[in-house]
Amino acid sequence: MGHRFVEGKIEGEKEFGGKVFPKTLKPPPEMSTDGVDELAEMVKEEREWLHKTLEAHSAILFKGFGLKNGDEFGRVVEAFGWENMTYSAPAPRPILRHLVGGRVYTSNATPLTQLITFHHEMAWVKEVPSKIFLYCLQPSPEGGETSILPSQVVVDQMEERVPEFVSKISTIGFVHRVSLATEYDSEDADGINEPWKWILDTRDLAEAEKRAKEKFLCREVKFREGLLELLFGPVCPIRSYGGKRVWFNTILCYAPKDSDSISFTDGTKLPESAVETYKKILEENCVNIKWEKGDFLLLDNLLAQHARLPGKPPRQILVSICK
């Protein structure tokens, strides 16, 4: 094969277009189990092959390399050679994250009892990361899998099953309405949703509107009764990257209380039958990554989306994104 990585398999992996998803790589037998320096050097040596492998498979899972902490994870991410990117609030639901150090962040702080639905990272932000790394520092004792899916499959199957819906949403687009609090919400029991003045780094209303339109894919910004109301879109959920058409913006709400927040651009609701078909396609084609301590996952964020299944604590996944 001309490279040192050993190709492996995981339970539940799938094949799309003749390519396994995800591609699983393991260390060579001669590699030290305490070999972060050796791994970083191997990544640099095999960088071109790894980039091509990601281009072909959209997801690479690295198992058995023994990364012990966020610092080691960050060193390996750096070895891939992509430019670092800082997080913007992952609108339309701004979730608390912390910078661990360097280019490494904590993952989405949504409680483990809740599903985080499929999405592309920062899909409603104008500058989207092209790559995302996820590293398992502590796997959940039960559940908590990261689920991944190639987004090209979603387009193909939606066009096959609900062609009229795809034609309409591609033509007129859809919008997502979001309200952000000015201060931390006392009714937000989890304390994870960030207020707009933190997200936009200003208390000035005019400046907040300006920054929101500069950062996010939103066309309207309104201030009402202590809330900042954003209208994201209109967008067509289907984009093209590298010659592949992908379903990039989810048509699912991020939380049950947001059930009325998504509609066609003309204000009409998305048909329930089409939304249910969309959910079935996600469920039928996804691969659930059962984490083990030290695993890390590399996703092409333009071609593959991810979700988090409910689980039990403790669970700690660290994240790094690249331009």
C-alpha atoms as a PDB file:
ATOM      1  CA  MET A   1       0.000   0.000   0.000  1.00  0.00           C
ATOM      2  CA  GLY A   2       2.998   2.297   0.374  1.00  0.00           C
ATOM      3  CA  HIS A   3       2.081   3.571   3.848  1.00  0.00           C
ATOM      4  CA  ARG A   4       2.693   2.488   7.446  1.00  0.00           C
ATOM      5  CA  PHE A   5      -0.868   2.651   8.769  1.00  0.00           C
ATOM      6  CA  VAL A   6      -2.648  -0.676   9.174  1.00  0.00           C
ATOM      7  CA  GLU A   7      -6.156  -0.762   7.763  1.00  0.00           C
ATOM      8  CA  GLY A   8      -8.834  -2.071  10.104  1.00  0.00           C
ATOM      9  CA  LYS A   9     -12.585  -2.542  10.398  1.00  0.00           C
ATOM     10  CA  ILE A  10     -15.282  -1.598  12.885  1.00  0.00           C
ATOM     11  CA  GLU A  11     -18.684  -3.037  13.638  1.00  0.00           C
ATOM     12  CA  GLY A  12     -21.422  -1.401  11.573  1.00  0.00           C
ATOM     13  CA  GLU A  13     -19.196   0.216   8.944  1.00  0.00           C
ATOM     14  CA  LYS A  14     -20.889   0.718   5.592  1.00  0.00           C
ATOM     15  CA  GLU A  15     -19.892   1.020   1.959  1.00  0.00           C
ATOM     16  CA  PHE A  16     -20.981   3.860  -0.311  1.00  0.00           C
ATOM     17  CA  GLY A  17     -19.914   4.054  -3.935  1.00  0.00           C
ATOM     18  CA  GLY A  18     -17.432   1.254  -3.380  1.00  0.00           C
ATOM     19  CA  LYS A  19     -15.722   3.106  -0.505  1.00  0.00           C
ATOM     20  CA  VAL A  20     -15.830   1.949   3.113  1.00  0.00           C
ATOM     21  CA  PHE A  21     -17.246   4.481   5.585  1.00  0.00           C
ATOM     22  CA  PRO A  22     -15.446   5.288   7.756  1.00  0.00           C
ATOM     23  CA  LYS A  23     -11.929   4.220   6.809  1.00  0.00           C
ATOM     24  CA  THR A  24     -10.344   2.743   9.944  1.00  0.00           C
ATOM     25  CA  LEU A  25      -6.596   3.001  10.530  1.00  0.00           C
ATOM     26  CA  LYS A  26      -4.502   1.339  13.249  1.00  0.00           C
ATOM     27  CA  PRO A  27      -0.832   1.607  14.224  1.00  0.00           C
ATOM     28  CA  PRO A  28       1.812  -0.682  12.728  1.00  0.00           C
ATOM     29  CA  PRO A  29       2.988  -3.522  15.022  1.00  0.00           C
ATOM     30  CA  GLU A  30       6.387  -1.926  15.618  1.00  0.00           C
ATOM     31  CA  MET A  31       4.903   1.368  16.838  1.00  0.00           C
ATOM     32  CA  SER A  32       5.231   2.224  20.535  1.00  0.00           C
ATOM     33  CA  THR A  33       2.025   2.371  22.574  1.00  0.00           C
ATOM     34  CA  ASP A  34       3.374   5.624  24.020  1.00  0.00           C
ATOM     35  CA  GLY A  35       4.249   7.058  20.655  1.00  0.00           C
ATOM     36  CA  VAL A  36       2.612  10.455  20.159  1.00  0.00           C
ATOM     37  CA  ASP A  37       5.873  11.782  18.704  1.00  0.00           C
ATOM     38  CA  GLU A  38       6.098   8.822  16.355  1.00  0.00           C
ATOM     39  CA  LEU A  39       2.432   9.218  15.352  1.00  0.00           C
ATOM     40  CA  ALA A  40       2.829  12.945  14.652  1.00  0.00           C
ATOM     41  CA  GLU A  41       5.905  12.229  12.536  1.00  0.00           C
ATOM     42  CA  MET A  42       4.102   9.442  10.686  1.00  0.00           C
ATOM     43  CA  VAL A  43       1.190  11.761   9.943  1.00  0.00           C
ATOM     44  CA  LYS A  44       3.608  14.326   8.493  1.00  0.00           C
ATOM     45  CA  GLU A  45       5.307  11.663   6.369  1.00  0.00           C
ATOM     46  CA  GLU A  46       2.003  10.223   5.150  1.00  0.00           C
ATOM     47  CA  ARG A  47       0.187  13.563   4.939  1.00  0.00           C
ATOM     48  CA  GLU A  48      -0.500  13.457   1.199  1.00  0.00           C
ATOM     49  CA  TRP A  49      -1.848   9.894   1.406  1.00  0.00           C
ATOM     50  CA  LEU A  50      -4.015  10.764   4.427  1.00  0.00           C
ATOM     51  CA  HIS A  51      -5.466  13.794   2.655  1.00  0.00           C
ATOM     52  CA  LYS A  52      -6.314  11.661  -0.392  1.00  0.00           C
ATOM     53  CA  THR A  53      -7.812   8.971   1.824  1.00  0.00           C
ATOM     54  CA  LEU A  54     -10.060  11.531   3.502  1.00  0.00           C
ATOM     55  CA  GLU A  55     -11.067  12.882   0.083  1.00  0.00           C
ATOM     56  CA  ALA A  56     -12.065   9.360  -1.005  1.00  0.00           C
ATOM     57  CA  HIS A  57     -13.826   8.208   2.188  1.00  0.00           C
ATOM     58  CA  SER A  58     -14.964  11.466   3.904  1.00  0.00           C
ATOM     59  CA  ALA A  59     -14.201   9.964   7.339  1.00  0.00           C
ATOM     60  CA  ILE A  60     -11.142   8.306   8.930  1.00  0.00           C
ATOM     61  CA  LEU A  61     -11.233   6.651  12.353  1.00  0.00           C
ATOM     62  CA  PHE A  62      -7.867   6.217  14.103  1.00  0.00           C
ATOM     63  CA  LYS A  63      -7.844   3.446  16.724  1.00  0.00           C
ATOM     64  CA  GLY A  64      -5.190   2.091  19.038  1.00  0.00           C
ATOM     65  CA  PHE A  65      -2.729   5.001  18.975  1.00  0.00           C
ATOM     66  CA  GLY A  66      -2.929   5.617  22.727  1.00  0.00           C
ATOM     67  CA  LEU A  67      -3.368   9.404  22.806  1.00  0.00           C
ATOM     68  CA  LYS A  68      -3.574  10.324  26.480  1.00  0.00           C
ATOM     69  CA  ASN A  69      -4.768  13.927  26.630  1.00  0.00           C
ATOM     70  CA  GLY A  70      -5.775  17.053  24.767  1.00  0.00           C
ATOM     71  CA  ASP A  71      -2.193  18.221  24.371  1.00  0.00           C
ATOM     72  CA  GLU A  72      -1.196  15.045  22.531  1.00  0.00           C
ATOM     73  CA  PHE A  73      -4.360  15.259  20.440  1.00  0.00           C
ATOM     74  CA  GLY A  74      -3.529  18.856  19.482  1.00  0.00           C
ATOM     75  CA  ARG A  75      -0.014  17.877  18.421  1.00  0.00           C
ATOM     76  CA  VAL A  76      -1.379  15.200  16.107  1.00  0.00           C
ATOM     77  CA  VAL A  77      -3.972  17.573  14.624  1.00  0.00           C
ATOM     78  CA  GLU A  78      -1.184  20.078  13.941  1.00  0.00           C
ATOM     79  CA  ALA A  79       0.772  17.398  12.053  1.00  0.00           C
ATOM     80  CA  PHE A  80      -1.967  17.163   9.409  1.00  0.00           C
ATOM     81  CA  GLY A  81      -1.021  20.633   8.184  1.00  0.00           C
ATOM     82  CA  TRP A  82      -4.417  22.317   7.975  1.00  0.00           C
ATOM     83  CA  GLU A  83      -4.854  25.849   9.250  1.00  0.00           C
ATOM     84  CA  ASN A  84      -6.431  26.228  12.678  1.00  0.00           C
ATOM     85  CA  MET A  85      -9.904  27.735  12.985  1.00  0.00           C
ATOM     86  CA  THR A  86     -11.594  29.197  16.050  1.00  0.00           C
ATOM     87  CA  TYR A  87     -15.179  28.400  16.931  1.00  0.00           C
ATOM     88  CA  SER A  88     -17.967  30.782  16.152  1.00  0.00           C
ATOM     89  CA  ALA A  89     -21.158  30.018  18.036  1.00  0.00           C
ATOM     90  CA  PRO A  90     -22.640  27.031  16.220  1.00  0.00           C
ATOM     91  CA  ALA A  91     -25.830  28.838  15.334  1.00  0.00           C
ATOM     92  CA  PRO A  92     -28.745  28.485  15.385  1.00  0.00           C
ATOM     93  CA  ARG A  93     -28.361  26.932  18.830  1.00  0.00           C
ATOM     94  CA  PRO A  94     -25.355  28.576  20.497  1.00  0.00           C
ATOM     95  CA  ILE A  95     -23.829  26.026  22.853  1.00  0.00           C
ATOM     96  CA  LEU A  96     -21.205  26.652  25.497  1.00  0.00           C
ATOM     97  CA  ARG A  97     -17.701  25.399  24.632  1.00  0.00           C
ATOM     98  CA  HIS A  98     -14.350  25.953  26.315  1.00  0.00           C
ATOM     99  CA  LEU A  99     -10.911  26.278  24.783  1.00  0.00           C
ATOM    100  CA  VAL A 100      -8.830  23.516  26.360  1.00  0.00           C
ATOM    101  CA  GLY A 101      -5.590  24.816  24.896  1.00  0.00           C
ATOM    102  CA  GLY A 102      -3.968  25.550  21.557  1.00  0.00           C
ATOM    103  CA  ARG A 103      -6.486  24.484  18.931  1.00  0.00           C
ATOM    104  CA  VAL A 104      -8.506  22.045  21.077  1.00  0.00           C
ATOM    105  CA  TYR A 105     -12.026  22.691  22.442  1.00  0.00           C
ATOM    106  CA  THR A 106     -14.523  20.849  24.598  1.00  0.00           C
ATOM    107  CA  SER A 107     -17.347  19.271  22.641  1.00  0.00           C
ATOM    108  CA  ASN A 108     -20.998  20.310  22.625  1.00  0.00           C
ATOM    109  CA  ALA A 109     -22.175  20.678  26.229  1.00  0.00           C
ATOM    110  CA  THR A 110     -25.735  19.537  25.580  1.00  0.00           C
ATOM    111  CA  PRO A 111     -26.633  17.041  28.358  1.00  0.00           C
ATOM    112  CA  LEU A 112     -25.854  13.421  27.512  1.00  0.00           C
ATOM    113  CA  THR A 113     -29.491  12.447  27.983  1.00  0.00           C
ATOM    114  CA  GLN A 114     -30.356  14.405  24.818  1.00  0.00           C
ATOM    115  CA  LEU A 115     -29.814  13.539  21.172  1.00  0.00           C
ATOM    116  CA  ILE A 116     -27.747  15.993  19.145  1.00  0.00           C
ATOM    117  CA  THR A 117     -29.210  15.612  15.680  1.00  0.00           C
ATOM    118  CA  PHE A 118     -27.189  15.253  12.482  1.00  0.00           C
ATOM    119  CA  HIS A 119     -25.481  18.428  11.340  1.00  0.00           C
ATOM    120  CA  HIS A 120     -22.421  19.853   9.610  1.00  0.00           C
ATOM    121  CA  GLU A 121     -20.330  21.841  12.076  1.00  0.00           C
ATOM    122  CA  MET A 122     -21.173  25.574  11.985  1.00  0.00           C
ATOM    123  CA  ALA A 123     -23.460  25.067   8.973  1.00  0.00           C
ATOM    124  CA  TRP A 124     -25.240  28.399   9.559  1.00  0.00           C
ATOM    125  CA  VAL A 125     -22.003  30.368   9.850  1.00  0.00           C
ATOM    126  CA  LYS A 126     -20.601  31.977   6.702  1.00  0.00           C
ATOM    127  CA  GLU A 127     -17.073  30.621   7.221  1.00  0.00           C
ATOM    128  CA  VAL A 128     -17.491  26.869   7.575  1.00  0.00           C
ATOM    129  CA  PRO A 129     -14.664  24.592   8.795  1.00  0.00           C
ATOM    130  CA  SER A 130     -13.588  22.105   6.145  1.00  0.00           C
ATOM    131  CA  LYS A 131     -12.348  19.477   8.622  1.00  0.00           C
ATOM    132  CA  ILE A 132     -13.297  18.444  12.138  1.00  0.00           C
ATOM    133  CA  PHE A 133     -11.380  16.181  14.509  1.00  0.00           C
ATOM    134  CA  LEU A 134     -13.034  14.474  17.481  1.00  0.00           C
ATOM    135  CA  TYR A 135     -10.954  12.778  20.180  1.00  0.00           C
ATOM    136  CA  CYS A 136     -12.182  10.434  22.916  1.00  0.00           C
ATOM    137  CA  LEU A 137     -10.639  11.261  26.278  1.00  0.00           C
ATOM    138  CA  GLN A 138     -13.358   9.417  28.215  1.00  0.00           C
ATOM    139  CA  PRO A 139     -15.956   7.143  26.545  1.00  0.00           C
ATOM    140  CA  SER A 140     -19.457   6.955  27.966  1.00  0.00           C
ATOM    141  CA  PRO A 141     -20.109   3.767  29.982  1.00  0.00           C
ATOM    142  CA  GLU A 142     -23.315   3.365  27.998  1.00  0.00           C
ATOM    143  CA  GLY A 143     -24.398   4.984  24.733  1.00  0.00           C
ATOM    144  CA  GLY A 144     -22.937   8.347  23.739  1.00  0.00           C
ATOM    145  CA  GLU A 145     -21.846   7.148  20.303  1.00  0.00           C
ATOM    146  CA  THR A 146     -20.927   9.678  17.613  1.00  0.00           C
ATOM    147  CA  SER A 147     -22.983   8.866  14.544  1.00  0.00           C
ATOM    148  CA  ILE A 148     -21.683   9.817  11.092  1.00  0.00           C
ATOM    149  CA  LEU A 149     -23.194   9.936   7.639  1.00  0.00           C
ATOM    150  CA  PRO A 150     -22.072  10.871   4.100  1.00  0.00           C
ATOM    151  CA  SER A 151     -24.317  13.754   3.050  1.00  0.00           C
ATOM    152  CA  GLN A 152     -24.288  12.880  -0.635  1.00  0.00           C
ATOM    153  CA  VAL A 153     -26.378   9.815   0.204  1.00  0.00           C
ATOM    154  CA  VAL A 154     -29.041  12.028   1.781  1.00  0.00           C
ATOM    155  CA  VAL A 155     -29.426  14.037  -1.444  1.00  0.00           C
ATOM    156  CA  ASP A 156     -29.600  10.932  -3.619  1.00  0.00           C
ATOM    157  CA  GLN A 157     -32.219   9.199  -1.495  1.00  0.00           C
ATOM    158  CA  MET A 158     -34.332  12.303  -0.826  1.00  0.00           C
ATOM    159  CA  GLU A 159     -34.503  12.945  -4.571  1.00  0.00           C
ATOM    160  CA  GLU A 160     -35.541   9.338  -5.091  1.00  0.00           C
ATOM    161  CA  ARG A 161     -38.177   9.195  -2.338  1.00  0.00           C
ATOM    162  CA  VAL A 162     -39.616  12.749  -2.170  1.00  0.00           C
ATOM    163  CA  PRO A 163     -38.655  14.448  -5.458  1.00  0.00           C
ATOM    164  CA  GLU A 164     -41.390  17.104  -5.294  1.00  0.00           C
ATOM    165  CA  PHE A 165     -40.247  18.216  -1.828  1.00  0.00           C
ATOM    166  CA  VAL A 166     -36.606  18.395  -2.922  1.00  0.00           C
ATOM    167  CA  SER A 167     -37.605  20.412  -6.001  1.00  0.00           C
ATOM    168  CA  LYS A 168     -39.591  22.913  -3.905  1.00  0.00           C
ATOM    169  CA  ILE A 169     -37.023  23.378  -1.143  1.00  0.00           C
ATOM    170  CA  SER A 170     -34.254  23.707  -3.749  1.00  0.00           C
ATOM    171  CA  THR A 171     -36.255  26.377  -5.587  1.00  0.00           C
ATOM    172  CA  ILE A 172     -37.596  28.581  -2.782  1.00  0.00           C
ATOM    173  CA  GLY A 173     -35.353  27.488   0.111  1.00  0.00           C
ATOM    174  CA  PHE A 174     -36.190  27.363   3.806  1.00  0.00           C
ATOM    175  CA  VAL A 175     -35.639  29.543   6.873  1.00  0.00           C
ATOM    176  CA  HIS A 176     -34.881  28.939  10.551  1.00  0.00           C
ATOM    177  CA  ARG A 177     -36.077  31.378  13.218  1.00  0.00           C
ATOM    178  CA  VAL A 178     -34.048  31.606  16.410  1.00  0.00           C
ATOM    179  CA  SER A 179     -34.367  33.696  19.574  1.00  0.00           C
ATOM    180  CA  LEU A 180     -31.308  34.403  21.722  1.00  0.00           C
ATOM    181  CA  ALA A 181     -31.451  35.764  25.261  1.00  0.00           C
ATOM    182  CA  THR A 182     -29.629  38.916  26.303  1.00  0.00           C
ATOM    183  CA  GLU A 183     -28.521  37.394  29.598  1.00  0.00           C
ATOM    184  CA  TYR A 184     -28.072  33.805  30.727  1.00  0.00           C
ATOM    185  CA  ASP A 185     -31.529  32.258  30.882  1.00  0.00           C
ATOM    186  CA  SER A 186     -32.578  31.258  34.406  1.00  0.00           C
ATOM    187  CA  GLU A 187     -34.968  28.727  32.826  1.00  0.00           C
ATOM    188  CA  ASP A 188     -32.116  27.094  30.926  1.00  0.00           C
ATOM    189  CA  ALA A 189     -31.601  24.357  33.501  1.00  0.00           C
ATOM    190  CA  ASP A 190     -28.495  23.074  31.773  1.00  0.00           C
ATOM    191  CA  GLY A 191     -26.855  26.502  31.532  1.00  0.00           C
ATOM    192  CA  ILE A 192     -25.467  25.764  28.073  1.00  0.00           C
ATOM    193  CA  ASN A 193     -27.139  28.292  25.758  1.00  0.00           C
ATOM    194  CA  GLU A 194     -25.041  31.405  25.332  1.00  0.00           C
ATOM    195  CA  PRO A 195     -26.616  34.920  25.244  1.00  0.00           C
ATOM    196  CA  TRP A 196     -26.266  37.036  22.126  1.00  0.00           C
ATOM    197  CA  LYS A 197     -24.011  39.628  23.756  1.00  0.00           C
ATOM    198  CA  TRP A 198     -21.443  36.872  24.362  1.00  0.00           C
ATOM    199  CA  ILE A 199     -21.826  35.339  20.900  1.00  0.00           C
ATOM    200  CA  LEU A 200     -21.454  38.693  19.148  1.00  0.00           C
ATOM    201  CA  ASP A 201     -19.051  40.234  21.701  1.00  0.00           C
ATOM    202  CA  THR A 202     -20.974  43.472  22.038  1.00  0.00           C
ATOM    203  CA  ARG A 203     -23.802  45.020  24.038  1.00  0.00           C
ATOM    204  CA  ASP A 204     -24.555  47.624  21.373  1.00  0.00           C
ATOM    205  CA  LEU A 205     -27.727  46.753  19.435  1.00  0.00           C
ATOM    206  CA  ALA A 206     -26.682  48.281  16.117  1.00  0.00           C
ATOM    207  CA  GLU A 207     -23.279  46.617  16.290  1.00  0.00           C
ATOM    208  CA  ALA A 208     -24.908  43.303  17.244  1.00  0.00           C
ATOM    209  CA  GLU A 209     -27.129  43.427  14.153  1.00  0.00           C
ATOM    210  CA  LYS A 210     -24.129  44.258  11.958  1.00  0.00           C
ATOM    211  CA  ARG A 211     -22.019  41.421  13.359  1.00  0.00           C
ATOM    212  CA  ALA A 212     -24.844  38.875  13.163  1.00  0.00           C
ATOM    213  CA  LYS A 213     -25.335  39.565   9.453  1.00  0.00           C
ATOM    214  CA  GLU A 214     -21.580  39.470   8.866  1.00  0.00           C
ATOM    215  CA  LYS A 215     -21.033  36.140  10.681  1.00  0.00           C
ATOM    216  CA  PHE A 216     -24.204  34.167  10.099  1.00  0.00           C
ATOM    217  CA  LEU A 217     -26.432  33.246   7.163  1.00  0.00           C
ATOM    218  CA  CYS A 218     -29.213  35.470   8.497  1.00  0.00           C
ATOM    219  CA  ARG A 219     -31.154  38.162   6.691  1.00  0.00           C
ATOM    220  CA  GLU A 220     -33.160  39.694   9.556  1.00  0.00           C
ATOM    221  CA  VAL A 221     -32.191  40.726  13.059  1.00  0.00           C
ATOM    222  CA  LYS A 222     -34.800  42.053  15.492  1.00  0.00           C
ATOM    223  CA  PHE A 223     -34.697  43.005  19.180  1.00  0.00           C
ATOM    224  CA  ARG A 224     -37.860  42.225  21.083  1.00  0.00           C
ATOM    225  CA  GLU A 225     -38.579  41.982  24.836  1.00  0.00           C
ATOM    226  CA  GLY A 226     -34.982  41.235  25.776  1.00  0.00           C
ATOM    227  CA  LEU A 227     -34.456  38.750  22.967  1.00  0.00           C
ATOM    228  CA  LEU A 228     -32.436  38.908  19.783  1.00  0.00           C
ATOM    229  CA  GLU A 229     -34.472  37.282  17.017  1.00  0.00           C
ATOM    230  CA  LEU A 230     -32.549  35.984  14.025  1.00  0.00           C
ATOM    231  CA  LEU A 231     -33.993  34.760  10.748  1.00  0.00           C
ATOM    232  CA  PHE A 232     -31.505  32.372   9.147  1.00  0.00           C
ATOM    233  CA  GLY A 233     -31.825  31.840   5.413  1.00  0.00           C
ATOM    234  CA  PRO A 234     -33.372  31.547   3.015  1.00  0.00           C
ATOM    235  CA  VAL A 235     -31.048  28.727   1.980  1.00  0.00           C
ATOM    236  CA  CYS A 236     -31.180  25.724  -0.246  1.00  0.00           C
ATOM    237  CA  PRO A 237     -30.060  22.800   1.951  1.00  0.00           C
ATOM    238  CA  ILE A 238     -28.160  21.223  -0.936  1.00  0.00           C
ATOM    239  CA  ARG A 239     -24.640  22.467  -1.720  1.00  0.00           C
ATOM    240  CA  SER A 240     -21.885  21.240  -4.024  1.00  0.00           C
ATOM    241  CA  TYR A 241     -18.365  20.525  -2.792  1.00  0.00           C
ATOM    242  CA  GLY A 242     -15.677  18.803  -4.830  1.00  0.00           C
ATOM    243  CA  GLY A 243     -18.163  17.787  -7.488  1.00  0.00           C
ATOM    244  CA  LYS A 244     -20.467  16.134  -4.903  1.00  0.00           C
ATOM    245  CA  ARG A 245     -23.955  17.363  -4.027  1.00  0.00           C
ATOM    246  CA  VAL A 246     -24.511  17.189  -0.270  1.00  0.00           C
ATOM    247  CA  TRP A 247     -27.436  17.879   2.072  1.00  0.00           C
ATOM    248  CA  PHE A 248     -25.679  20.518   4.135  1.00  0.00           C
ATOM    249  CA  ASN A 249     -28.279  22.331   6.252  1.00  0.00           C
ATOM    250  CA  THR A 250     -30.507  20.126   8.370  1.00  0.00           C
ATOM    251  CA  ILE A 251     -34.275  20.496   8.202  1.00  0.00           C
ATOM    252  CA  LEU A 252     -34.631  19.107  11.730  1.00  0.00           C
ATOM    253  CA  CYS A 253     -34.992  21.270  14.818  1.00  0.00           C
ATOM    254  CA  TYR A 254     -32.253  21.235  17.418  1.00  0.00           C
ATOM    255  CA  ALA A 255     -34.719  20.972  20.306  1.00  0.00           C
ATOM    256  CA  PRO A 256     -38.429  19.989  20.642  1.00  0.00           C
ATOM    257  CA  LYS A 257     -39.338  23.507  21.785  1.00  0.00           C
ATOM    258  CA  ASP A 258     -38.137  24.796  18.393  1.00  0.00           C
ATOM    259  CA  SER A 259     -40.645  22.707  16.411  1.00  0.00           C
ATOM    260  CA  ASP A 260     -42.199  25.746  14.714  1.00  0.00           C
ATOM    261  CA  SER A 261     -38.898  27.456  13.922  1.00  0.00           C
ATOM    262  CA  ILE A 262     -38.299  25.901  10.474  1.00  0.00           C
ATOM    263  CA  SER A 263     -40.452  26.558   7.412  1.00  0.00           C
ATOM    264  CA  PHE A 264     -40.274  27.122   3.692  1.00  0.00           C
ATOM    265  CA  THR A 265     -39.247  30.665   2.813  1.00  0.00           C
ATOM    266  CA  ASP A 266     -42.888  31.473   1.969  1.00  0.00           C
ATOM    267  CA  GLY A 267     -43.886  30.653   5.563  1.00  0.00           C
ATOM    268  CA  THR A 268     -45.568  27.309   4.906  1.00  0.00           C
ATOM    269  CA  LYS A 269     -44.591  24.341   7.050  1.00  0.00           C
ATOM    270  CA  LEU A 270     -42.400  21.556   5.767  1.00  0.00           C
ATOM    271  CA  PRO A 271     -44.610  18.516   5.114  1.00  0.00           C
ATOM    272  CA  GLU A 272     -44.375  16.026   7.963  1.00  0.00           C
ATOM    273  CA  SER A 273     -44.092  13.113   5.545  1.00  0.00           C
ATOM    274  CA  ALA A 274     -40.967  14.604   3.936  1.00  0.00           C
ATOM    275  CA  VAL A 275     -39.372  15.316   7.325  1.00  0.00           C
ATOM    276  CA  GLU A 276     -40.069  11.733   8.440  1.00  0.00           C
ATOM    277  CA  THR A 277     -38.522  10.424   5.217  1.00  0.00           C
ATOM    278  CA  TYR A 278     -35.470  12.571   5.913  1.00  0.00           C
ATOM    279  CA  LYS A 279     -35.170  11.083   9.422  1.00  0.00           C
ATOM    280  CA  LYS A 280     -35.453   7.526   8.065  1.00  0.00           C
ATOM    281  CA  ILE A 281     -32.688   8.164   5.528  1.00  0.00           C
ATOM    282  CA  LEU A 282     -30.403   9.402   8.302  1.00  0.00           C
ATOM    283  CA  GLU A 283     -31.157   6.365  10.463  1.00  0.00           C
ATOM    284  CA  GLU A 284     -30.740   3.847   7.629  1.00  0.00           C
ATOM    285  CA  ASN A 285     -27.403   5.144   6.394  1.00  0.00           C
ATOM    286  CA  CYS A 286     -25.531   6.263   9.496  1.00  0.00           C
ATOM    287  CA  VAL A 287     -22.616   4.530  11.209  1.00  0.00           C
ATOM    288  CA  ASN A 288     -22.406   4.695  15.006  1.00  0.00           C
ATOM    289  CA  ILE A 289     -18.867   5.090  16.324  1.00  0.00           C
ATOM    290  CA  LYS A 290     -18.505   3.261  19.643  1.00  0.00           C
ATOM    291  CA  TRP A 291     -15.720   5.202  21.277  1.00  0.00           C
ATOM    292  CA  GLU A 292     -12.732   3.749  23.080  1.00  0.00           C
ATOM    293  CA  LYS A 293     -10.328   5.912  25.051  1.00  0.00           C
ATOM    294  CA  GLY A 294      -7.657   7.367  22.754  1.00  0.00           C
ATOM    295  CA  ASP A 295      -9.654   7.016  19.505  1.00  0.00           C
ATOM    296  CA  PHE A 296      -9.839  10.032  17.235  1.00  0.00           C
ATOM    297  CA  LEU A 297     -12.024  10.670  14.211  1.00  0.00           C
ATOM    298  CA  LEU A 298     -11.326  12.927  11.233  1.00  0.00           C
ATOM    299  CA  LEU A 299     -14.311  14.107   9.183  1.00  0.00           C
ATOM    300  CA  ASP A 300     -14.528  16.099   5.992  1.00  0.00           C
ATOM    301  CA  ASN A 301     -17.049  18.601   7.374  1.00  0.00           C
ATOM    302  CA  LEU A 302     -18.167  19.574   3.874  1.00  0.00           C
ATOM    303  CA  LEU A 303     -19.084  16.010   2.882  1.00  0.00           C
ATOM    304  CA  ALA A 304     -19.984  14.177   6.112  1.00  0.00           C
ATOM    305  CA  GLN A 305     -22.280  15.128   8.971  1.00  0.00           C
ATOM    306  CA  HIS A 306     -22.352  13.896  12.531  1.00  0.00           C
ATOM    307  CA  ALA A 307     -24.690  13.452  15.476  1.00  0.00           C
ATOM    308  CA  ARG A 308     -24.438  12.341  19.111  1.00  0.00           C
ATOM    309  CA  LEU A 309     -26.592   9.587  20.544  1.00  0.00           C
ATOM    310  CA  PRO A 310     -27.826   9.835  24.145  1.00  0.00           C
ATOM    311  CA  GLY A 311     -25.577   8.224  26.739  1.00  0.00           C
ATOM    312  CA  LYS A 312     -24.566   8.144  30.376  1.00  0.00           C
ATOM    313  CA  PRO A 313     -21.828  10.214  31.998  1.00  0.00           C
ATOM    314  CA  PRO A 314     -18.942  10.521  32.268  1.00  0.00           C
ATOM    315  CA  ARG A 315     -18.090  11.189  28.627  1.00  0.00           C
ATOM    316  CA  GLN A 316     -15.448  13.591  27.367  1.00  0.00           C
ATOM    317  CA  ILE A 317     -14.851  14.250  23.690  1.00  0.00           C
ATOM    318  CA  LEU A 318     -12.465  17.020  22.569  1.00  0.00           C
ATOM    319  CA  VAL A 319     -12.741  18.779  19.227  1.00  0.00           C
ATOM    320  CA  SER A 320     -10.556  20.691  16.786  1.00  0.00           C
ATOM    321  CA  ILE A 321     -11.649  22.375  13.550  1.00  0.00           C
ATOM    322  CA  CYS A 322      -9.676  23.473  10.504  1.00  0.00           C
ATOM    323  CA  LYS A 323     -10.170  26.026   7.763  1.00  0.00           C
END
